[in-house]
Amino acid sequence: MADSSDSVSLDMETIYLGGKEHIVRTGQGPVSVILYGDQDKPALVTYPDVALNHMSCFQGLFFCPEAASLLLHNFCIYHISPPGHELGAAAVCPNDELLSVDDLADQILEVLNHFRLGTVMCMGVTAGAYILTLFAMKYRERVIGLILISPICKAPSWTEWLYNKVMLNLLYFYGMCGLLTELLLQRYFSKEVRGNIDVPESDIVQACRRLLEERQGINVFRFLQAMDRRPDISDGLKRLKCRTLIFVGDNSPFHEEALEMMSKLDRRYSALVEVQSCGSMVTEEQPLAMLIPMEYFMMGYGLYRQSQAQALSGSPRSPLSPSCISPELLSPESMGLKLKPIKTRVVS
């Protein structure tokens, strides 16, 4: 553990519904990490998409009772926020050095070292999926598994580049304005939940809108700028040997890129789940569609969902070690995924 001169931990249990916020000072600046659960359990590290944090990106999944019985039973959760994206974050100094995606990946390493974590499971959404994939490629011995939601692995396409330029200009001149919020919501959610003249937008979109209004424009600008300058990492995907489970909504703007990423991964260690009538943020829009594939995925590590009886009586801590994985458990069939891509039914 780093000494007090290197890090400061702030207790925010009341605000974060049982979690604790730690501000970890890294060589690339401070990082907010929200901890949920028993630190003696294996670690699950999360990283959100642009302009989001753990509340706006993973709340739907982790507040789902079925998901809690699987994830919170087996893991201690480490929610890492991009710089300046945590709740109540102040605006960063515009003159500070712009962090690259490599810098952001290196920050994760420092966070793991701060908490004395060895091998971890990772879960990221879009930009967060890219950062965690890059981290897994740079520090392969530290990542045992990846759960990626609507991931990206290539440099921005012309369409995304133009889209990003519009958002960057809006952020530069107007901050977190209404038009920018609408563009971000289009990035995250399908039309079905965003609503229209006849149908009001869903509660999850309204909640995300309110959280976006709290973001500091300059902080979002810097993270989006780093992602806009990201390199293509697809050539290195074949060398990833950790098991990878990809979810993507079929209405996601990054749907085709997720399919492209799947084609680059070693199929012995990876599987893809397409979620129908869903946007990029499956964690919020259709979290129940993630449960069965994740449960099969976790079984390969000796992890399992907590039963009601175990919840009442207590249960032993779960292992997370490559030694408990046989080659047969690395196949998509072992995850219950018979076809690639497999489409899940819409969850009502």
Protein backbone atom coordinates (compact mmCIF):
# COMPACT_ATOMS: atom_id res chain seq x y z
CA MET A 1 0.00 0.00 0.00
CA ALA A 2 1.27 3.45 -0.90
CA ASP A 3 2.06 5.73 2.01
CA SER A 4 -0.06 8.74 2.96
CA SER A 5 2.09 11.14 0.91
CA ASP A 6 1.20 9.25 -2.28
CA SER A 7 -2.51 8.74 -1.79
CA VAL A 8 -5.51 10.06 0.06
CA SER A 9 -8.59 7.98 0.85
CA LEU A 10 -11.92 9.70 1.43
CA ASP A 11 -14.81 7.89 3.12
CA MET A 12 -17.96 8.57 1.08
CA GLU A 13 -20.13 5.68 2.29
CA THR A 14 -23.26 7.77 2.72
CA ILE A 15 -23.10 9.19 -0.79
CA TYR A 16 -22.15 5.97 -2.54
CA LEU A 17 -24.67 3.62 -0.92
CA GLY A 18 -22.19 1.43 0.90
CA GLY A 19 -19.16 2.13 -1.27
CA LYS A 20 -16.03 4.03 -0.30
CA GLU A 21 -14.25 6.54 -2.50
CA HIS A 22 -10.46 6.49 -2.61
CA ILE A 23 -8.52 9.20 -4.42
CA VAL A 24 -5.39 7.47 -5.70
CA ARG A 25 -2.60 9.81 -6.74
CA THR A 26 -0.80 8.46 -9.79
CA GLY A 27 2.02 9.74 -11.98
CA GLN A 28 -0.66 10.94 -14.41
CA GLY A 29 -2.79 12.68 -11.78
CA PRO A 30 -5.41 11.69 -9.19
CA VAL A 31 -7.95 8.94 -9.92
CA SER A 32 -11.23 8.32 -8.12
CA VAL A 33 -11.91 4.67 -7.24
CA ILE A 34 -15.18 3.57 -5.61
CA LEU A 35 -14.94 0.29 -3.70
CA TYR A 36 -17.85 -2.02 -3.02
CA GLY A 37 -17.48 -5.26 -1.11
CA ASP A 38 -14.89 -7.33 0.72
CA GLN A 39 -11.33 -6.51 -0.35
CA ASP A 40 -10.29 -10.09 0.44
CA LYS A 41 -12.36 -11.24 -2.54
CA PRO A 42 -11.10 -11.21 -6.15
CA ALA A 43 -11.16 -7.81 -7.85
CA LEU A 44 -13.49 -6.70 -10.62
CA VAL A 45 -12.34 -3.40 -12.16
CA THR A 46 -14.80 -1.29 -14.14
CA TYR A 47 -14.26 1.68 -16.47
CA PRO A 48 -17.11 3.72 -18.03
CA ASP A 49 -17.71 5.39 -21.38
CA VAL A 50 -17.10 9.06 -22.17
CA ALA A 51 -18.83 11.54 -19.80
CA LEU A 52 -19.99 8.73 -17.50
CA ASN A 53 -18.98 7.28 -14.14
CA HIS A 54 -20.00 4.24 -12.12
CA MET A 55 -23.40 5.71 -11.23
CA SER A 56 -24.43 6.52 -14.80
CA CYS A 57 -22.78 3.54 -16.52
CA PHE A 58 -23.05 0.51 -14.20
CA GLN A 59 -25.85 1.30 -11.74
CA GLY A 60 -28.49 -0.62 -13.73
CA LEU A 61 -26.41 -3.79 -13.75
CA PHE A 62 -25.16 -3.71 -10.17
CA PHE A 63 -28.52 -2.70 -8.71
CA CYS A 64 -30.14 -5.69 -10.43
CA PRO A 65 -30.64 -8.32 -7.66
CA GLU A 66 -29.69 -11.21 -9.94
CA ALA A 67 -26.47 -9.49 -10.99
CA ALA A 68 -25.65 -8.61 -7.39
CA SER A 69 -25.98 -12.28 -6.44
CA LEU A 70 -23.34 -13.11 -9.06
CA LEU A 71 -20.97 -10.13 -9.06
CA LEU A 72 -21.07 -8.76 -5.53
CA HIS A 73 -21.02 -12.29 -4.10
CA ASN A 74 -17.82 -13.18 -5.94
CA PHE A 75 -15.94 -9.89 -6.26
CA CYS A 76 -14.84 -6.71 -4.62
CA ILE A 77 -15.78 -4.04 -7.14
CA TYR A 78 -13.30 -1.28 -8.02
CA HIS A 79 -15.12 1.39 -10.06
CA ILE A 80 -12.44 3.58 -11.69
CA SER A 81 -13.59 6.91 -13.11
CA PRO A 82 -11.77 8.71 -15.94
CA PRO A 83 -10.02 11.83 -14.62
CA GLY A 84 -12.58 14.43 -13.60
CA HIS A 85 -15.60 12.17 -14.18
CA GLU A 86 -16.32 11.26 -10.57
CA LEU A 87 -19.36 12.71 -8.80
CA GLY A 88 -18.71 16.28 -7.68
CA ALA A 89 -15.45 16.57 -9.64
CA ALA A 90 -14.03 20.05 -10.10
CA ALA A 91 -12.92 21.31 -13.49
CA VAL A 92 -9.36 20.33 -14.36
CA CYS A 93 -6.90 23.03 -15.30
CA PRO A 94 -6.98 23.56 -19.10
CA ASN A 95 -3.20 23.96 -19.05
CA ASP A 96 -2.62 20.48 -17.58
CA GLU A 97 -0.93 18.03 -19.92
CA LEU A 98 -3.42 16.07 -22.00
CA LEU A 99 -3.43 12.40 -21.06
CA SER A 100 -3.20 9.82 -23.85
CA VAL A 101 -5.01 6.48 -23.83
CA ASP A 102 -1.69 4.90 -22.83
CA ASP A 103 -1.51 7.24 -19.83
CA LEU A 104 -5.04 6.23 -18.82
CA ALA A 105 -4.12 2.54 -19.09
CA ASP A 106 -1.01 3.15 -16.99
CA GLN A 107 -3.16 4.85 -14.35
CA ILE A 108 -5.04 1.57 -13.95
CA LEU A 109 -1.78 -0.22 -13.24
CA GLU A 110 -0.97 2.29 -10.50
CA VAL A 111 -4.44 1.84 -9.02
CA LEU A 112 -3.93 -1.95 -8.90
CA ASN A 113 -0.53 -1.51 -7.29
CA HIS A 114 -1.96 0.94 -4.76
CA PHE A 115 -4.51 -1.63 -3.58
CA ARG A 116 -1.95 -4.45 -3.85
CA LEU A 117 -4.06 -6.29 -6.39
CA GLY A 118 -2.57 -9.06 -8.48
CA THR A 119 -4.71 -10.47 -11.28
CA VAL A 120 -8.10 -8.84 -11.89
CA MET A 121 -11.27 -9.22 -13.92
CA CYS A 122 -12.18 -6.15 -16.01
CA MET A 123 -15.48 -4.73 -17.27
CA GLY A 124 -15.68 -1.68 -19.54
CA VAL A 125 -18.16 0.13 -21.77
CA THR A 126 -17.09 1.50 -25.20
CA ALA A 127 -14.29 3.99 -24.37
CA GLY A 128 -13.80 2.17 -21.05
CA ALA A 129 -13.69 -1.14 -22.92
CA TYR A 130 -10.92 0.25 -25.13
CA ILE A 131 -8.88 1.46 -22.14
CA LEU A 132 -9.20 -1.88 -20.34
CA THR A 133 -8.37 -3.84 -23.51
CA LEU A 134 -5.28 -1.69 -23.99
CA PHE A 135 -4.39 -2.27 -20.34
CA ALA A 136 -4.78 -6.05 -20.83
CA MET A 137 -2.50 -5.92 -23.88
CA LYS A 138 0.18 -3.92 -22.07
CA TYR A 139 0.01 -5.85 -18.79
CA ARG A 140 -1.22 -9.30 -19.77
CA GLU A 141 -0.17 -10.89 -16.49
CA ARG A 142 -2.56 -8.60 -14.55
CA VAL A 143 -5.82 -9.43 -16.39
CA ILE A 144 -7.53 -12.80 -16.19
CA GLY A 145 -10.76 -11.88 -17.99
CA LEU A 146 -12.47 -9.10 -19.95
CA ILE A 147 -16.19 -8.31 -20.08
CA LEU A 148 -16.55 -5.68 -22.80
CA ILE A 149 -19.76 -3.82 -23.63
CA SER A 150 -20.00 -2.28 -27.12
CA PRO A 151 -16.20 -2.19 -27.36
CA ILE A 152 -14.00 -0.33 -29.83
CA CYS A 153 -10.50 -1.32 -30.90
CA LYS A 154 -9.70 0.71 -34.03
CA ALA A 155 -8.84 4.35 -34.62
CA PRO A 156 -11.97 6.49 -35.16
CA SER A 157 -13.75 5.99 -38.48
CA TRP A 158 -14.55 9.06 -40.56
CA THR A 159 -18.09 9.01 -39.17
CA GLU A 160 -16.95 8.82 -35.56
CA TRP A 161 -14.21 11.39 -36.20
CA LEU A 162 -16.81 13.88 -37.49
CA TYR A 163 -19.17 13.07 -34.63
CA ASN A 164 -16.35 13.61 -32.13
CA LYS A 165 -15.35 16.91 -33.72
CA VAL A 166 -18.90 18.22 -33.34
CA MET A 167 -18.96 17.19 -29.68
CA LEU A 168 -15.49 18.61 -29.01
CA ASN A 169 -16.48 21.95 -30.53
CA LEU A 170 -19.68 22.04 -28.47
CA LEU A 171 -17.69 21.26 -25.32
CA TYR A 172 -15.07 23.89 -26.11
CA PHE A 173 -17.51 26.72 -26.83
CA TYR A 174 -20.63 25.82 -24.81
CA GLY A 175 -19.71 23.16 -22.24
CA MET A 176 -22.30 20.54 -21.29
CA CYS A 177 -25.08 22.11 -23.36
CA GLY A 178 -28.39 20.54 -24.36
CA LEU A 179 -27.29 19.57 -27.88
CA LEU A 180 -24.18 17.84 -26.57
CA THR A 181 -26.28 15.89 -24.06
CA GLU A 182 -28.57 14.71 -26.87
CA LEU A 183 -25.57 13.54 -28.92
CA LEU A 184 -24.21 11.62 -25.95
CA LEU A 185 -27.58 10.00 -25.25
CA GLN A 186 -27.69 8.88 -28.90
CA ARG A 187 -24.27 7.30 -28.34
CA TYR A 188 -25.48 5.37 -25.29
CA PHE A 189 -29.12 4.40 -25.87
CA SER A 190 -31.45 3.01 -28.54
CA LYS A 191 -34.32 5.03 -29.99
CA GLU A 192 -36.80 2.89 -28.08
CA VAL A 193 -35.75 4.26 -24.69
CA ARG A 194 -34.80 7.78 -25.82
CA GLY A 195 -38.44 8.40 -26.70
CA ASN A 196 -40.02 10.73 -29.25
CA ILE A 197 -42.94 13.12 -29.61
CA ASP A 198 -45.45 10.38 -28.79
CA VAL A 199 -43.44 8.34 -26.28
CA PRO A 200 -41.62 9.89 -23.30
CA GLU A 201 -38.01 8.93 -22.69
CA SER A 202 -37.44 6.16 -20.18
CA ASP A 203 -36.42 6.60 -16.56
CA ILE A 204 -32.87 5.37 -17.26
CA VAL A 205 -32.39 8.05 -19.93
CA GLN A 206 -33.78 10.74 -17.64
CA ALA A 207 -31.45 9.64 -14.84
CA CYS A 208 -28.46 9.64 -17.20
CA ARG A 209 -29.42 13.10 -18.48
CA ARG A 210 -29.43 14.48 -14.94
CA LEU A 211 -26.00 12.97 -14.22
CA LEU A 212 -24.58 14.34 -17.48
CA GLU A 213 -25.65 17.84 -16.46
CA GLU A 214 -23.30 17.55 -13.46
CA ARG A 215 -20.21 16.88 -15.59
CA GLN A 216 -17.56 19.55 -16.09
CA GLY A 217 -17.28 20.27 -19.82
CA ILE A 218 -13.47 20.60 -19.81
CA ASN A 219 -13.11 17.19 -18.13
CA VAL A 220 -15.29 15.48 -20.73
CA PHE A 221 -13.45 17.39 -23.48
CA ARG A 222 -10.09 15.99 -22.38
CA PHE A 223 -11.26 12.36 -22.16
CA LEU A 224 -13.05 12.58 -25.52
CA GLN A 225 -9.97 14.18 -27.08
CA ALA A 226 -7.80 11.32 -25.82
CA MET A 227 -10.24 8.79 -27.31
CA ASP A 228 -10.37 10.73 -30.58
CA ARG A 229 -6.58 10.32 -30.86
CA ARG A 230 -6.53 6.64 -29.97
CA PRO A 231 -4.49 4.25 -32.13
CA ASP A 232 -5.73 1.05 -33.74
CA ILE A 233 -4.98 -1.84 -31.37
CA SER A 234 -6.76 -4.57 -33.35
CA ASP A 235 -3.52 -6.23 -34.51
CA GLY A 236 -2.60 -7.07 -30.93
CA LEU A 237 -5.91 -8.71 -30.05
CA LYS A 238 -4.85 -12.18 -31.19
CA ARG A 239 -2.15 -12.16 -28.53
CA LEU A 240 -4.68 -11.72 -25.74
CA LYS A 241 -5.03 -15.02 -23.92
CA CYS A 242 -7.46 -13.94 -21.22
CA ARG A 243 -11.07 -15.03 -21.71
CA THR A 244 -13.19 -12.31 -23.27
CA LEU A 245 -16.97 -11.89 -23.29
CA ILE A 246 -18.38 -9.16 -25.54
CA PHE A 247 -21.88 -7.69 -25.34
CA VAL A 248 -23.19 -5.28 -27.96
CA GLY A 249 -26.62 -3.82 -28.64
CA ASP A 250 -27.72 -4.25 -32.23
CA ASN A 251 -28.70 -0.54 -32.29
CA SER A 252 -25.32 0.60 -30.98
CA PRO A 253 -23.32 3.01 -33.20
CA PHE A 254 -20.37 0.69 -32.43
CA HIS A 255 -22.11 -2.55 -33.40
CA GLU A 256 -19.99 -3.18 -36.49
CA GLU A 257 -16.78 -2.41 -34.65
CA ALA A 258 -17.68 -4.89 -31.91
CA LEU A 259 -18.17 -7.56 -34.59
CA GLU A 260 -14.83 -6.57 -36.11
CA MET A 261 -13.15 -6.83 -32.71
CA MET A 262 -14.63 -10.28 -32.18
CA SER A 263 -13.20 -11.43 -35.52
CA LYS A 264 -9.71 -10.39 -34.38
CA LEU A 265 -9.79 -12.20 -31.04
CA ASP A 266 -8.71 -15.79 -30.57
CA ARG A 267 -12.02 -17.65 -30.79
CA ARG A 268 -10.87 -20.26 -28.30
CA TYR A 269 -11.02 -17.62 -25.59
CA SER A 270 -13.85 -15.32 -26.66
CA ALA A 271 -17.59 -15.12 -27.28
CA LEU A 272 -20.02 -12.48 -28.47
CA VAL A 273 -23.58 -11.75 -27.39
CA GLU A 274 -25.75 -9.40 -29.43
CA VAL A 275 -28.65 -7.86 -27.53
CA GLN A 276 -31.65 -7.00 -29.66
CA SER A 277 -33.35 -3.59 -29.56
CA CYS A 278 -30.58 -2.15 -27.41
CA GLY A 279 -28.03 0.65 -27.72
CA SER A 280 -24.41 0.71 -26.57
CA MET A 281 -24.98 0.79 -22.83
CA VAL A 282 -26.36 -2.71 -22.28
CA THR A 283 -25.48 -2.36 -18.58
CA GLU A 284 -28.23 0.24 -18.19
CA GLU A 285 -30.71 -0.50 -20.96
CA GLN A 286 -30.97 -4.30 -20.71
CA PRO A 287 -28.86 -5.57 -17.79
CA LEU A 288 -30.90 -8.76 -17.45
CA ALA A 289 -29.73 -9.83 -20.92
CA MET A 290 -26.18 -10.02 -19.53
CA LEU A 291 -26.88 -12.40 -16.65
CA ILE A 292 -26.93 -15.88 -18.20
CA PRO A 293 -23.86 -15.33 -20.45
CA MET A 294 -21.96 -13.83 -17.52
CA GLU A 295 -22.94 -16.72 -15.29
CA TYR A 296 -21.56 -19.26 -17.77
CA PHE A 297 -18.48 -17.09 -18.24
CA MET A 298 -17.85 -16.97 -14.46
CA MET A 299 -18.28 -20.72 -14.12
CA GLY A 300 -14.99 -21.11 -15.97
CA TYR A 301 -13.29 -19.50 -12.98
CA GLY A 302 -15.07 -21.56 -10.34
CA LEU A 303 -17.43 -18.67 -9.57
CA TYR A 304 -21.18 -19.03 -9.18
CA ARG A 305 -24.32 -17.12 -8.35
CA GLN A 306 -25.23 -16.87 -4.69
CA SER A 307 -28.41 -18.72 -3.78
CA GLN A 308 -30.93 -17.33 -1.34
CA ALA A 309 -29.88 -19.88 1.28
CA GLN A 310 -26.22 -18.86 0.91
CA ALA A 311 -27.19 -15.21 1.22
CA LEU A 312 -28.77 -15.99 4.60
CA SER A 313 -26.08 -18.32 5.91
CA GLY A 314 -22.97 -16.81 4.38
CA SER A 315 -20.68 -18.53 1.90
CA PRO A 316 -16.96 -19.00 1.36
CA ARG A 317 -14.97 -16.56 -0.70
CA SER A 318 -14.65 -17.50 -4.35
CA PRO A 319 -11.39 -18.30 -6.13
CA LEU A 320 -10.07 -16.44 -9.14
CA SER A 321 -7.08 -18.27 -10.50
CA PRO A 322 -5.99 -19.50 -13.93
CA SER A 323 -5.16 -22.83 -12.35
CA CYS A 324 -8.86 -23.61 -11.96
CA ILE A 325 -9.58 -23.20 -15.68
CA SER A 326 -9.42 -26.16 -18.00
CA PRO A 327 -9.06 -25.67 -21.78
CA GLU A 328 -12.62 -26.94 -22.23
CA LEU A 329 -13.94 -24.10 -20.07
CA LEU A 330 -12.35 -21.55 -22.39
CA SER A 331 -14.65 -22.44 -25.27
CA PRO A 332 -17.81 -20.46 -26.13
CA GLU A 333 -19.83 -23.65 -25.69
CA SER A 334 -18.79 -23.77 -22.04
CA MET A 335 -20.36 -20.35 -21.60
CA GLY A 336 -23.65 -21.59 -23.01
CA LEU A 337 -23.01 -19.72 -26.26
CA LYS A 338 -23.74 -22.13 -29.09
CA LEU A 339 -23.63 -19.59 -31.91
CA LYS A 340 -21.57 -16.49 -32.61
CA PRO A 341 -23.08 -13.98 -32.65
CA ILE A 342 -25.93 -15.14 -30.47
CA LYS A 343 -28.96 -12.84 -30.16
CA THR A 344 -30.74 -12.62 -26.83
CA ARG A 345 -34.43 -11.96 -26.55
CA VAL A 346 -35.61 -8.51 -25.61
CA VAL A 347 -35.99 -8.28 -21.87
CA SER A 348 -39.23 -6.60 -20.90
